Amino acid sequence: MKKNMGTIDKAIRIVLAIVFGALYFTGVVTGTPGIVLLILGIVFLLTSTVSFCPLYTVVGINTCATKK
């Protein structure tokens, strides 16, 4: 797996994952939308940890800084 996520991209995903988790666990968002947000937050955390997003590969996006 080649890294395709930059630092800012990872930071945004981690912040969103924390917000999604907080919304779910505080009961602000419940039911199916809450579960969807929780799963999306988990996916954001996992992709940030490994610096790879499979969807970016399909779409052809690379936010990783290029070394010159």
C-alpha atoms as a PDB file:
ATOM      1  CA  MET A   1       0.000   0.000   0.000  1.00  0.00           C
ATOM      2  CA  LYS A   2       1.440   3.302  -1.079  1.00  0.00           C
ATOM      3  CA  LYS A   3       0.607   6.249   1.187  1.00  0.00           C
ATOM      4  CA  ASN A   4      -1.813   8.690  -0.403  1.00  0.00           C
ATOM      5  CA  MET A   5      -2.871  10.899   2.532  1.00  0.00           C
ATOM      6  CA  GLY A   6      -1.134  14.055   3.688  1.00  0.00           C
ATOM      7  CA  THR A   7      -0.786  15.402   7.215  1.00  0.00           C
ATOM      8  CA  ILE A   8      -3.620  17.920   6.973  1.00  0.00           C
ATOM      9  CA  ASP A   9      -5.934  15.293   5.499  1.00  0.00           C
ATOM     10  CA  LYS A  10      -5.151  12.909   8.370  1.00  0.00           C
ATOM     11  CA  ALA A  11      -5.684  15.634  10.987  1.00  0.00           C
ATOM     12  CA  ILE A  12      -9.075  16.582   9.543  1.00  0.00           C
ATOM     13  CA  ARG A  13     -10.167  12.946   9.513  1.00  0.00           C
ATOM     14  CA  ILE A  14      -9.089  12.424  13.122  1.00  0.00           C
ATOM     15  CA  VAL A  15     -10.952  15.538  14.273  1.00  0.00           C
ATOM     16  CA  LEU A  16     -14.079  14.441  12.388  1.00  0.00           C
ATOM     17  CA  ALA A  17     -13.830  10.941  13.881  1.00  0.00           C
ATOM     18  CA  ILE A  18     -13.686  12.432  17.389  1.00  0.00           C
ATOM     19  CA  VAL A  19     -16.668  14.689  16.670  1.00  0.00           C
ATOM     20  CA  PHE A  20     -18.684  11.791  15.216  1.00  0.00           C
ATOM     21  CA  GLY A  21     -17.879   9.618  18.234  1.00  0.00           C
ATOM     22  CA  ALA A  22     -18.819  12.401  20.644  1.00  0.00           C
ATOM     23  CA  LEU A  23     -22.124  12.996  18.847  1.00  0.00           C
ATOM     24  CA  TYR A  24     -22.960   9.303  19.030  1.00  0.00           C
ATOM     25  CA  PHE A  25     -21.894   8.620  22.616  1.00  0.00           C
ATOM     26  CA  THR A  26     -23.540  11.752  24.033  1.00  0.00           C
ATOM     27  CA  GLY A  27     -26.824  10.766  22.398  1.00  0.00           C
ATOM     28  CA  VAL A  28     -27.105  13.803  20.132  1.00  0.00           C
ATOM     29  CA  VAL A  29     -27.325  11.541  17.071  1.00  0.00           C
ATOM     30  CA  THR A  30     -29.046   8.201  17.636  1.00  0.00           C
ATOM     31  CA  GLY A  31     -30.467   5.340  15.642  1.00  0.00           C
ATOM     32  CA  THR A  32     -29.327   4.547  12.141  1.00  0.00           C
ATOM     33  CA  PRO A  33     -27.731   7.958  11.465  1.00  0.00           C
ATOM     34  CA  GLY A  34     -25.738   7.593  14.689  1.00  0.00           C
ATOM     35  CA  ILE A  35     -24.468   4.156  13.736  1.00  0.00           C
ATOM     36  CA  VAL A  36     -23.535   5.408  10.259  1.00  0.00           C
ATOM     37  CA  LEU A  37     -21.573   8.311  11.795  1.00  0.00           C
ATOM     38  CA  LEU A  38     -19.851   5.955  14.242  1.00  0.00           C
ATOM     39  CA  ILE A  39     -18.800   3.578  11.449  1.00  0.00           C
ATOM     40  CA  LEU A  40     -17.622   6.514   9.324  1.00  0.00           C
ATOM     41  CA  GLY A  41     -15.580   7.776  12.275  1.00  0.00           C
ATOM     42  CA  ILE A  42     -13.959   4.351  12.704  1.00  0.00           C
ATOM     43  CA  VAL A  43     -13.106   4.245   8.998  1.00  0.00           C
ATOM     44  CA  PHE A  44     -11.604   7.750   9.238  1.00  0.00           C
ATOM     45  CA  LEU A  45      -9.433   6.679  12.193  1.00  0.00           C
ATOM     46  CA  LEU A  46      -8.250   3.513  10.433  1.00  0.00           C
ATOM     47  CA  THR A  47      -7.398   5.256   7.181  1.00  0.00           C
ATOM     48  CA  SER A  48      -5.590   8.016   9.069  1.00  0.00           C
ATOM     49  CA  THR A  49      -3.544   5.463  10.989  1.00  0.00           C
ATOM     50  CA  VAL A  50      -2.269   3.742   7.858  1.00  0.00           C
ATOM     51  CA  SER A  51      -2.167   6.936   5.710  1.00  0.00           C
ATOM     52  CA  PHE A  52      -4.017   5.162   2.928  1.00  0.00           C
ATOM     53  CA  CYS A  53      -7.526   5.734   1.586  1.00  0.00           C
ATOM     54  CA  PRO A  54      -8.788   3.121  -0.895  1.00  0.00           C
ATOM     55  CA  LEU A  55     -11.320   5.597  -2.308  1.00  0.00           C
ATOM     56  CA  TYR A  56      -8.498   8.007  -3.158  1.00  0.00           C
ATOM     57  CA  THR A  57      -6.901   5.277  -5.276  1.00  0.00           C
ATOM     58  CA  VAL A  58     -10.120   4.744  -7.241  1.00  0.00           C
ATOM     59  CA  VAL A  59     -10.661   8.475  -7.792  1.00  0.00           C
ATOM     60  CA  GLY A  60      -6.964   9.209  -8.393  1.00  0.00           C
ATOM     61  CA  ILE A  61      -6.413  11.639  -5.501  1.00  0.00           C
ATOM     62  CA  ASN A  62      -3.124  11.911  -3.635  1.00  0.00           C
ATOM     63  CA  THR A  63      -2.814  14.470  -0.798  1.00  0.00           C
ATOM     64  CA  CYS A  64       0.580  13.194   0.308  1.00  0.00           C
ATOM     65  CA  ALA A  65       3.410  15.698  -0.064  1.00  0.00           C
ATOM     66  CA  THR A  66       5.809  14.915  -2.875  1.00  0.00           C
ATOM     67  CA  LYS A  67       9.505  14.749  -2.120  1.00  0.00           C
ATOM     68  CA  LYS A  68      11.772  16.668  -4.482  1.00  0.00           C
END
